[in-house]
Amino acid sequence: MCNCGSTKAPGVGPFATGRELVEFVLKAHGGAIAVSSVPNGGLPATCQGCSAYFRLNTFVQACPKCGGIHAVSPPRATDPSAIQFAGADFQLP
């Protein structure tokens, strides 16, 4: 296991919020984490941009209705309330 989740400091790395968390997960392990499947079949999510319901199946995923980018970090992958939104203007690289 890597050390990217070794800190539990709020607002840092896998415990960041909003766009910072999405950017962290996108970069983690050269981008491999972002496209990996969330364990246990994903997490139920409500888009923080348009309020549509969807299932977060990968660690970084767009809302199927509006395209808003959401992410969760591996240490918090069992907690739907830990899903973060990058903001309406965020575009995937």
PDB file of N, CA and C in Angstrom:
ATOM      1  N   MET A   1       0.845  -1.183   0.000  1.00  0.00           N
ATOM      2  CA  MET A   1       0.000   0.000   0.000  1.00  0.00           C
ATOM      3  C   MET A   1       0.880   1.234   0.000  1.00  0.00           C
ATOM      4  N   CYS A   2       0.409   2.296  -0.589  1.00  0.00           N
ATOM      5  CA  CYS A   2       1.179   3.535  -0.688  1.00  0.00           C
ATOM      6  C   CYS A   2       1.012   4.389   0.565  1.00  0.00           C
ATOM      7  N   ASN A   3       1.708   5.490   0.598  1.00  0.00           N
ATOM      8  CA  ASN A   3       1.604   6.416   1.721  1.00  0.00           C
ATOM      9  C   ASN A   3       0.682   7.589   1.438  1.00  0.00           C
ATOM     10  N   CYS A   4      -0.017   7.586   0.298  1.00  0.00           N
ATOM     11  CA  CYS A   4      -0.828   8.752  -0.059  1.00  0.00           C
ATOM     12  C   CYS A   4      -1.993   8.961   0.908  1.00  0.00           C
ATOM     13  N   GLY A   5      -2.381   7.953   1.628  1.00  0.00           N
ATOM     14  CA  GLY A   5      -3.455   8.099   2.602  1.00  0.00           C
ATOM     15  C   GLY A   5      -2.978   8.042   4.023  1.00  0.00           C
ATOM     16  N   SER A   6      -1.671   8.238   4.232  1.00  0.00           N
ATOM     17  CA  SER A   6      -1.110   8.061   5.567  1.00  0.00           C
ATOM     18  C   SER A   6      -1.443   9.192   6.527  1.00  0.00           C
ATOM     19  N   THR A   7      -1.879  10.316   6.025  1.00  0.00           N
ATOM     20  CA  THR A   7      -2.246  11.421   6.893  1.00  0.00           C
ATOM     21  C   THR A   7      -3.764  11.478   7.029  1.00  0.00           C
ATOM     22  N   LYS A   8      -4.222  11.850   8.173  1.00  0.00           N
ATOM     23  CA  LYS A   8      -5.660  12.045   8.361  1.00  0.00           C
ATOM     24  C   LYS A   8      -5.952  13.508   8.615  1.00  0.00           C
ATOM     25  N   ALA A   9      -5.016  14.363   8.221  1.00  0.00           N
ATOM     26  CA  ALA A   9      -5.191  15.797   8.407  1.00  0.00           C
ATOM     27  C   ALA A   9      -6.309  16.305   7.514  1.00  0.00           C
ATOM     28  N   PRO A  10      -7.267  17.022   8.078  1.00  0.00           N
ATOM     29  CA  PRO A  10      -8.358  17.562   7.273  1.00  0.00           C
ATOM     30  C   PRO A  10      -7.827  18.487   6.185  1.00  0.00           C
ATOM     31  N   GLY A  11      -8.423  18.412   5.006  1.00  0.00           N
ATOM     32  CA  GLY A  11      -8.054  19.303   3.929  1.00  0.00           C
ATOM     33  C   GLY A  11      -6.784  18.938   3.191  1.00  0.00           C
ATOM     34  N   VAL A  12      -6.199  17.769   3.493  1.00  0.00           N
ATOM     35  CA  VAL A  12      -4.937  17.367   2.870  1.00  0.00           C
ATOM     36  C   VAL A  12      -5.107  16.025   2.174  1.00  0.00           C
ATOM     37  N   GLY A  13      -4.535  15.907   0.972  1.00  0.00           N
ATOM     38  CA  GLY A  13      -4.526  14.631   0.255  1.00  0.00           C
ATOM     39  C   GLY A  13      -5.893  14.003   0.161  1.00  0.00           C
ATOM     40  N   PRO A  14      -6.024  12.742   0.617  1.00  0.00           N
ATOM     41  CA  PRO A  14      -7.299  12.041   0.480  1.00  0.00           C
ATOM     42  C   PRO A  14      -8.400  12.581   1.396  1.00  0.00           C
ATOM     43  N   PHE A  15      -8.060  13.537   2.240  1.00  0.00           N
ATOM     44  CA  PHE A  15      -9.049  14.134   3.127  1.00  0.00           C
ATOM     45  C   PHE A  15      -9.352  15.583   2.756  1.00  0.00           C
ATOM     46  N   ALA A  16      -8.906  15.978   1.548  1.00  0.00           N
ATOM     47  CA  ALA A  16      -9.215  17.307   1.026  1.00  0.00           C
ATOM     48  C   ALA A  16     -10.699  17.365   0.672  1.00  0.00           C
ATOM     49  N   THR A  17     -11.168  18.541   0.320  1.00  0.00           N
ATOM     50  CA  THR A  17     -12.574  18.696  -0.061  1.00  0.00           C
ATOM     51  C   THR A  17     -12.663  19.359  -1.430  1.00  0.00           C
ATOM     52  N   GLY A  18     -13.825  19.228  -2.034  1.00  0.00           N
ATOM     53  CA  GLY A  18     -14.118  19.889  -3.295  1.00  0.00           C
ATOM     54  C   GLY A  18     -13.136  19.574  -4.404  1.00  0.00           C
ATOM     55  N   ARG A  19     -12.808  20.595  -5.167  1.00  0.00           N
ATOM     56  CA  ARG A  19     -11.924  20.465  -6.317  1.00  0.00           C
ATOM     57  C   ARG A  19     -10.567  19.893  -5.926  1.00  0.00           C
ATOM     58  N   GLU A  20     -10.060  20.264  -4.749  1.00  0.00           N
ATOM     59  CA  GLU A  20      -8.752  19.779  -4.312  1.00  0.00           C
ATOM     60  C   GLU A  20      -8.741  18.256  -4.190  1.00  0.00           C
ATOM     61  N   LEU A  21      -9.820  17.682  -3.671  1.00  0.00           N
ATOM     62  CA  LEU A  21      -9.887  16.219  -3.553  1.00  0.00           C
ATOM     63  C   LEU A  21      -9.969  15.584  -4.938  1.00  0.00           C
ATOM     64  N   VAL A  22     -10.786  16.137  -5.815  1.00  0.00           N
ATOM     65  CA  VAL A  22     -10.910  15.592  -7.172  1.00  0.00           C
ATOM     66  C   VAL A  22      -9.552  15.623  -7.867  1.00  0.00           C
ATOM     67  N   GLU A  23      -8.837  16.725  -7.775  1.00  0.00           N
ATOM     68  CA  GLU A  23      -7.521  16.829  -8.403  1.00  0.00           C
ATOM     69  C   GLU A  23      -6.525  15.852  -7.773  1.00  0.00           C
ATOM     70  N   PHE A  24      -6.590  15.667  -6.463  1.00  0.00           N
ATOM     71  CA  PHE A  24      -5.706  14.716  -5.790  1.00  0.00           C
ATOM     72  C   PHE A  24      -5.941  13.295  -6.315  1.00  0.00           C
ATOM     73  N   VAL A  25      -7.202  12.888  -6.373  1.00  0.00           N
ATOM     74  CA  VAL A  25      -7.514  11.527  -6.829  1.00  0.00           C
ATOM     75  C   VAL A  25      -7.146  11.354  -8.305  1.00  0.00           C
ATOM     76  N   LEU A  26      -7.362  12.375  -9.116  1.00  0.00           N
ATOM     77  CA  LEU A  26      -6.992  12.295 -10.531  1.00  0.00           C
ATOM     78  C   LEU A  26      -5.492  12.038 -10.709  1.00  0.00           C
ATOM     79  N   LYS A  27      -4.667  12.601  -9.843  1.00  0.00           N
ATOM     80  CA  LYS A  27      -3.208  12.484  -9.956  1.00  0.00           C
ATOM     81  C   LYS A  27      -2.642  11.266  -9.227  1.00  0.00           C
ATOM     82  N   ALA A  28      -3.374  10.723  -8.271  1.00  0.00           N
ATOM     83  CA  ALA A  28      -2.856   9.630  -7.443  1.00  0.00           C
ATOM     84  C   ALA A  28      -2.439   8.434  -8.290  1.00  0.00           C
ATOM     85  N   HIS A  29      -1.248   7.958  -8.058  1.00  0.00           N
ATOM     86  CA  HIS A  29      -0.708   6.779  -8.754  1.00  0.00           C
ATOM     87  C   HIS A  29      -0.751   6.939 -10.269  1.00  0.00           C
ATOM     88  N   GLY A  30      -0.411   8.126 -10.723  1.00  0.00           N
ATOM     89  CA  GLY A  30      -0.367   8.377 -12.160  1.00  0.00           C
ATOM     90  C   GLY A  30      -1.723   8.321 -12.834  1.00  0.00           C
ATOM     91  N   GLY A  31      -2.789   8.508 -12.096  1.00  0.00           N
ATOM     92  CA  GLY A  31      -4.146   8.480 -12.645  1.00  0.00           C
ATOM     93  C   GLY A  31      -4.840   7.138 -12.546  1.00  0.00           C
ATOM     94  N   ALA A  32      -4.115   6.118 -12.081  1.00  0.00           N
ATOM     95  CA  ALA A  32      -4.695   4.768 -12.014  1.00  0.00           C
ATOM     96  C   ALA A  32      -5.853   4.668 -11.032  1.00  0.00           C
ATOM     97  N   ILE A  33      -5.788   5.399  -9.938  1.00  0.00           N
ATOM     98  CA  ILE A  33      -6.861   5.337  -8.933  1.00  0.00           C
ATOM     99  C   ILE A  33      -8.160   5.896  -9.511  1.00  0.00           C
ATOM    100  N   ALA A  34      -8.073   6.985 -10.231  1.00  0.00           N
ATOM    101  CA  ALA A  34      -9.266   7.665 -10.752  1.00  0.00           C
ATOM    102  C   ALA A  34     -10.172   6.747 -11.550  1.00  0.00           C
ATOM    103  N   VAL A  35      -9.590   5.850 -12.328  1.00  0.00           N
ATOM    104  CA  VAL A  35     -10.383   4.971 -13.186  1.00  0.00           C
ATOM    105  C   VAL A  35     -10.642   3.599 -12.564  1.00  0.00           C
ATOM    106  N   SER A  36     -10.173   3.406 -11.347  1.00  0.00           N
ATOM    107  CA  SER A  36     -10.396   2.130 -10.648  1.00  0.00           C
ATOM    108  C   SER A  36     -11.813   2.076 -10.093  1.00  0.00           C
ATOM    109  N   SER A  37     -12.334   0.882  -9.976  1.00  0.00           N
ATOM    110  CA  SER A  37     -13.693   0.693  -9.445  1.00  0.00           C
ATOM    111  C   SER A  37     -13.742   0.931  -7.945  1.00  0.00           C
ATOM    112  N   VAL A  38     -14.793   1.620  -7.519  1.00  0.00           N
ATOM    113  CA  VAL A  38     -15.054   1.788  -6.095  1.00  0.00           C
ATOM    114  C   VAL A  38     -15.502   0.423  -5.568  1.00  0.00           C
ATOM    115  N   PRO A  39     -14.954  -0.032  -4.434  1.00  0.00           N
ATOM    116  CA  PRO A  39     -15.318  -1.351  -3.897  1.00  0.00           C
ATOM    117  C   PRO A  39     -16.819  -1.498  -3.617  1.00  0.00           C
ATOM    118  N   ASN A  40     -17.240  -2.726  -3.542  1.00  0.00           N
ATOM    119  CA  ASN A  40     -18.623  -3.077  -3.172  1.00  0.00           C
ATOM    120  C   ASN A  40     -19.674  -2.533  -4.127  1.00  0.00           C
ATOM    121  N   GLY A  41     -19.322  -2.405  -5.396  1.00  0.00           N
ATOM    122  CA  GLY A  41     -20.312  -1.984  -6.381  1.00  0.00           C
ATOM    123  C   GLY A  41     -20.555  -0.501  -6.460  1.00  0.00           C
ATOM    124  N   GLY A  42     -19.690   0.309  -5.886  1.00  0.00           N
ATOM    125  CA  GLY A  42     -19.835   1.754  -5.965  1.00  0.00           C
ATOM    126  C   GLY A  42     -20.612   2.346  -4.812  1.00  0.00           C
ATOM    127  N   LEU A  43     -20.825   3.655  -4.908  1.00  0.00           N
ATOM    128  CA  LEU A  43     -21.530   4.395  -3.860  1.00  0.00           C
ATOM    129  C   LEU A  43     -22.736   5.127  -4.442  1.00  0.00           C
ATOM    130  N   PRO A  44     -23.851   5.136  -3.725  1.00  0.00           N
ATOM    131  CA  PRO A  44     -24.976   5.954  -4.170  1.00  0.00           C
ATOM    132  C   PRO A  44     -24.584   7.424  -4.051  1.00  0.00           C
ATOM    133  N   ALA A  45     -24.921   8.203  -5.070  1.00  0.00           N
ATOM    134  CA  ALA A  45     -24.526   9.610  -5.077  1.00  0.00           C
ATOM    135  C   ALA A  45     -25.655  10.479  -5.590  1.00  0.00           C
ATOM    136  N   THR A  46     -25.677  11.699  -5.114  1.00  0.00           N
ATOM    137  CA  THR A  46     -26.557  12.726  -5.649  1.00  0.00           C
ATOM    138  C   THR A  46     -25.651  13.812  -6.187  1.00  0.00           C
ATOM    139  N   CYS A  47     -25.816  14.148  -7.448  1.00  0.00           N
ATOM    140  CA  CYS A  47     -24.964  15.151  -8.072  1.00  0.00           C
ATOM    141  C   CYS A  47     -25.066  16.456  -7.299  1.00  0.00           C
ATOM    142  N   GLN A  48     -23.927  17.008  -6.990  1.00  0.00           N
ATOM    143  CA  GLN A  48     -23.887  18.269  -6.262  1.00  0.00           C
ATOM    144  C   GLN A  48     -24.018  19.464  -7.194  1.00  0.00           C
ATOM    145  N   GLY A  49     -24.186  19.179  -8.484  1.00  0.00           N
ATOM    146  CA  GLY A  49     -24.411  20.236  -9.463  1.00  0.00           C
ATOM    147  C   GLY A  49     -25.864  20.329  -9.887  1.00  0.00           C
ATOM    148  N   CYS A  50     -26.491  19.164 -10.197  1.00  0.00           N
ATOM    149  CA  CYS A  50     -27.867  19.178 -10.718  1.00  0.00           C
ATOM    150  C   CYS A  50     -28.853  18.358  -9.881  1.00  0.00           C
ATOM    151  N   SER A  51     -28.375  17.701  -8.830  1.00  0.00           N
ATOM    152  CA  SER A  51     -29.197  16.900  -7.914  1.00  0.00           C
ATOM    153  C   SER A  51     -29.685  15.573  -8.484  1.00  0.00           C
ATOM    154  N   ALA A  52     -29.159  15.145  -9.622  1.00  0.00           N
ATOM    155  CA  ALA A  52     -29.535  13.844 -10.188  1.00  0.00           C
ATOM    156  C   ALA A  52     -28.905  12.726  -9.360  1.00  0.00           C
ATOM    157  N   TYR A  53     -29.629  11.627  -9.231  1.00  0.00           N
ATOM    158  CA  TYR A  53     -29.096  10.451  -8.556  1.00  0.00           C
ATOM    159  C   TYR A  53     -28.269   9.637  -9.548  1.00  0.00           C
ATOM    160  N   PHE A  54     -27.119   9.123  -9.093  1.00  0.00           N
ATOM    161  CA  PHE A  54     -26.323   8.196  -9.890  1.00  0.00           C
ATOM    162  C   PHE A  54     -25.480   7.344  -8.950  1.00  0.00           C
ATOM    163  N   ARG A  55     -24.788   6.388  -9.488  1.00  0.00           N
ATOM    164  CA  ARG A  55     -23.914   5.529  -8.710  1.00  0.00           C
ATOM    165  C   ARG A  55     -22.487   5.864  -9.091  1.00  0.00           C
ATOM    166  N   LEU A  56     -21.675   6.215  -8.085  1.00  0.00           N
ATOM    167  CA  LEU A  56     -20.262   6.490  -8.310  1.00  0.00           C
ATOM    168  C   LEU A  56     -19.556   5.145  -8.397  1.00  0.00           C
ATOM    169  N   ASN A  57     -19.248   4.726  -9.614  1.00  0.00           N
ATOM    170  CA  ASN A  57     -18.652   3.412  -9.852  1.00  0.00           C
ATOM    171  C   ASN A  57     -17.131   3.424  -9.885  1.00  0.00           C
ATOM    172  N   THR A  58     -16.545   4.571 -10.238  1.00  0.00           N
ATOM    173  CA  THR A  58     -15.093   4.730 -10.221  1.00  0.00           C
ATOM    174  C   THR A  58     -14.759   5.891  -9.288  1.00  0.00           C
ATOM    175  N   PHE A  59     -13.491   5.983  -8.886  1.00  0.00           N
ATOM    176  CA  PHE A  59     -13.108   6.995  -7.897  1.00  0.00           C
ATOM    177  C   PHE A  59     -13.277   8.425  -8.396  1.00  0.00           C
ATOM    178  N   VAL A  60     -13.224   8.636  -9.700  1.00  0.00           N
ATOM    179  CA  VAL A  60     -13.563   9.930 -10.303  1.00  0.00           C
ATOM    180  C   VAL A  60     -14.560   9.630 -11.413  1.00  0.00           C
ATOM    181  N   GLN A  61     -15.679  10.341 -11.384  1.00  0.00           N
ATOM    182  CA  GLN A  61     -16.731  10.052 -12.363  1.00  0.00           C
ATOM    183  C   GLN A  61     -17.575  11.293 -12.605  1.00  0.00           C
ATOM    184  N   ALA A  62     -18.055  11.420 -13.833  1.00  0.00           N
ATOM    185  CA  ALA A  62     -18.960  12.506 -14.196  1.00  0.00           C
ATOM    186  C   ALA A  62     -20.405  12.091 -13.942  1.00  0.00           C
ATOM    187  N   CYS A  63     -21.214  13.059 -13.554  1.00  0.00           N
ATOM    188  CA  CYS A  63     -22.656  12.836 -13.444  1.00  0.00           C
ATOM    189  C   CYS A  63     -23.180  12.544 -14.842  1.00  0.00           C
ATOM    190  N   PRO A  64     -23.984  11.484 -15.005  1.00  0.00           N
ATOM    191  CA  PRO A  64     -24.495  11.153 -16.333  1.00  0.00           C
ATOM    192  C   PRO A  64     -25.475  12.192 -16.893  1.00  0.00           C
ATOM    193  N   LYS A  65     -26.036  13.032 -16.031  1.00  0.00           N
ATOM    194  CA  LYS A  65     -27.009  14.022 -16.502  1.00  0.00           C
ATOM    195  C   LYS A  65     -26.344  15.346 -16.902  1.00  0.00           C
ATOM    196  N   CYS A  66     -25.497  15.900 -16.027  1.00  0.00           N
ATOM    197  CA  CYS A  66     -24.941  17.229 -16.297  1.00  0.00           C
ATOM    198  C   CYS A  66     -23.434  17.231 -16.556  1.00  0.00           C
ATOM    199  N   GLY A  67     -22.765  16.104 -16.297  1.00  0.00           N
ATOM    200  CA  GLY A  67     -21.332  16.027 -16.519  1.00  0.00           C
ATOM    201  C   GLY A  67     -20.480  16.551 -15.381  1.00  0.00           C
ATOM    202  N   GLY A  68     -21.098  16.954 -14.279  1.00  0.00           N
ATOM    203  CA  GLY A  68     -20.338  17.435 -13.120  1.00  0.00           C
ATOM    204  C   GLY A  68     -19.422  16.343 -12.577  1.00  0.00           C
ATOM    205  N   ILE A  69     -18.186  16.692 -12.270  1.00  0.00           N
ATOM    206  CA  ILE A  69     -17.183  15.722 -11.849  1.00  0.00           C
ATOM    207  C   ILE A  69     -17.189  15.556 -10.334  1.00  0.00           C
ATOM    208  N   HIS A  70     -17.288  14.288  -9.917  1.00  0.00           N
ATOM    209  CA  HIS A  70     -17.302  13.920  -8.502  1.00  0.00           C
ATOM    210  C   HIS A  70     -16.190  12.913  -8.236  1.00  0.00           C
ATOM    211  N   ALA A  71     -15.739  12.853  -6.987  1.00  0.00           N
ATOM    212  CA  ALA A  71     -14.701  11.889  -6.617  1.00  0.00           C
ATOM    213  C   ALA A  71     -14.819  11.524  -5.146  1.00  0.00           C
ATOM    214  N   VAL A  72     -14.260  10.361  -4.840  1.00  0.00           N
ATOM    215  CA  VAL A  72     -14.100   9.929  -3.459  1.00  0.00           C
ATOM    216  C   VAL A  72     -12.695   9.323  -3.382  1.00  0.00           C
ATOM    217  N   SER A  73     -12.057   9.447  -2.239  1.00  0.00           N
ATOM    218  CA  SER A  73     -10.711   8.884  -2.096  1.00  0.00           C
ATOM    219  C   SER A  73     -10.800   7.470  -1.529  1.00  0.00           C
ATOM    220  N   PRO A  74      -9.825   6.629  -1.844  1.00  0.00           N
ATOM    221  CA  PRO A  74      -9.871   5.241  -1.359  1.00  0.00           C
ATOM    222  C   PRO A  74     -10.064   5.077   0.150  1.00  0.00           C
ATOM    223  N   PRO A  75      -9.429   5.903   1.003  1.00  0.00           N
ATOM    224  CA  PRO A  75      -9.655   5.703   2.437  1.00  0.00           C
ATOM    225  C   PRO A  75     -11.098   5.970   2.884  1.00  0.00           C
ATOM    226  N   ARG A  76     -11.866   6.660   2.040  1.00  0.00           N
ATOM    227  CA  ARG A  76     -13.245   7.020   2.403  1.00  0.00           C
ATOM    228  C   ARG A  76     -14.267   6.414   1.452  1.00  0.00           C
ATOM    229  N   ALA A  77     -13.866   5.367   0.733  1.00  0.00           N
ATOM    230  CA  ALA A  77     -14.686   4.792  -0.336  1.00  0.00           C
ATOM    231  C   ALA A  77     -15.928   4.045   0.135  1.00  0.00           C
ATOM    232  N   THR A  78     -16.167   3.970   1.411  1.00  0.00           N
ATOM    233  CA  THR A  78     -17.391   3.333   1.910  1.00  0.00           C
ATOM    234  C   THR A  78     -18.390   4.370   2.433  1.00  0.00           C
ATOM    235  N   ASP A  79     -18.057   5.652   2.287  1.00  0.00           N
ATOM    236  CA  ASP A  79     -18.863   6.718   2.867  1.00  0.00           C
ATOM    237  C   ASP A  79     -19.423   7.642   1.778  1.00  0.00           C
ATOM    238  N   PRO A  80     -20.695   7.503   1.426  1.00  0.00           N
ATOM    239  CA  PRO A  80     -21.272   8.372   0.395  1.00  0.00           C
ATOM    240  C   PRO A  80     -21.160   9.858   0.727  1.00  0.00           C
ATOM    241  N   SER A  81     -21.132  10.210   2.009  1.00  0.00           N
ATOM    242  CA  SER A  81     -21.025  11.626   2.369  1.00  0.00           C
ATOM    243  C   SER A  81     -19.631  12.188   2.093  1.00  0.00           C
ATOM    244  N   ALA A  82     -18.662  11.334   1.777  1.00  0.00           N
ATOM    245  CA  ALA A  82     -17.299  11.778   1.477  1.00  0.00           C
ATOM    246  C   ALA A  82     -17.113  12.109  -0.006  1.00  0.00           C
ATOM    247  N   ILE A  83     -18.135  11.883  -0.829  1.00  0.00           N
ATOM    248  CA  ILE A  83     -18.044  12.218  -2.252  1.00  0.00           C
ATOM    249  C   ILE A  83     -17.946  13.734  -2.389  1.00  0.00           C
ATOM    250  N   GLN A  84     -16.976  14.172  -3.181  1.00  0.00           N
ATOM    251  CA  GLN A  84     -16.740  15.597  -3.368  1.00  0.00           C
ATOM    252  C   GLN A  84     -17.012  16.000  -4.811  1.00  0.00           C
ATOM    253  N   PHE A  85     -17.374  17.262  -4.993  1.00  0.00           N
ATOM    254  CA  PHE A  85     -17.727  17.833  -6.298  1.00  0.00           C
ATOM    255  C   PHE A  85     -16.660  18.859  -6.681  1.00  0.00           C
ATOM    256  N   ALA A  86     -16.203  18.800  -7.914  1.00  0.00           N
ATOM    257  CA  ALA A  86     -15.134  19.698  -8.361  1.00  0.00           C
ATOM    258  C   ALA A  86     -15.628  21.091  -8.739  1.00  0.00           C
ATOM    259  N   GLY A  87     -16.913  21.270  -8.846  1.00  0.00           N
ATOM    260  CA  GLY A  87     -17.461  22.561  -9.251  1.00  0.00           C
ATOM    261  C   GLY A  87     -17.974  22.497 -10.678  1.00  0.00           C
ATOM    262  N   ALA A  88     -18.944  23.326 -10.979  1.00  0.00           N
ATOM    263  CA  ALA A  88     -19.612  23.279 -12.286  1.00  0.00           C
ATOM    264  C   ALA A  88     -18.670  23.576 -13.449  1.00  0.00           C
ATOM    265  N   ASP A  89     -17.609  24.317 -13.217  1.00  0.00           N
ATOM    266  CA  ASP A  89     -16.715  24.705 -14.296  1.00  0.00           C
ATOM    267  C   ASP A  89     -15.524  23.756 -14.494  1.00  0.00           C
ATOM    268  N   PHE A  90     -15.450  22.690 -13.715  1.00  0.00           N
ATOM    269  CA  PHE A  90     -14.298  21.780 -13.787  1.00  0.00           C
ATOM    270  C   PHE A  90     -14.396  20.869 -15.005  1.00  0.00           C
ATOM    271  N   GLN A  91     -13.290  20.716 -15.710  1.00  0.00           N
ATOM    272  CA  GLN A  91     -13.223  19.843 -16.869  1.00  0.00           C
ATOM    273  C   GLN A  91     -12.167  18.784 -16.609  1.00  0.00           C
ATOM    274  N   LEU A  92     -12.432  17.540 -16.979  1.00  0.00           N
ATOM    275  CA  LEU A  92     -11.413  16.496 -16.872  1.00  0.00           C
ATOM    276  C   LEU A  92     -10.301  16.784 -17.868  1.00  0.00           C
ATOM    277  N   PRO A  93      -9.059  16.497 -17.463  1.00  0.00           N
ATOM    278  CA  PRO A  93      -7.939  16.728 -18.391  1.00  0.00           C
ATOM    279  C   PRO A  93      -8.006  15.821 -19.599  1.00  0.00           C
TER     280      PRO A  93
END
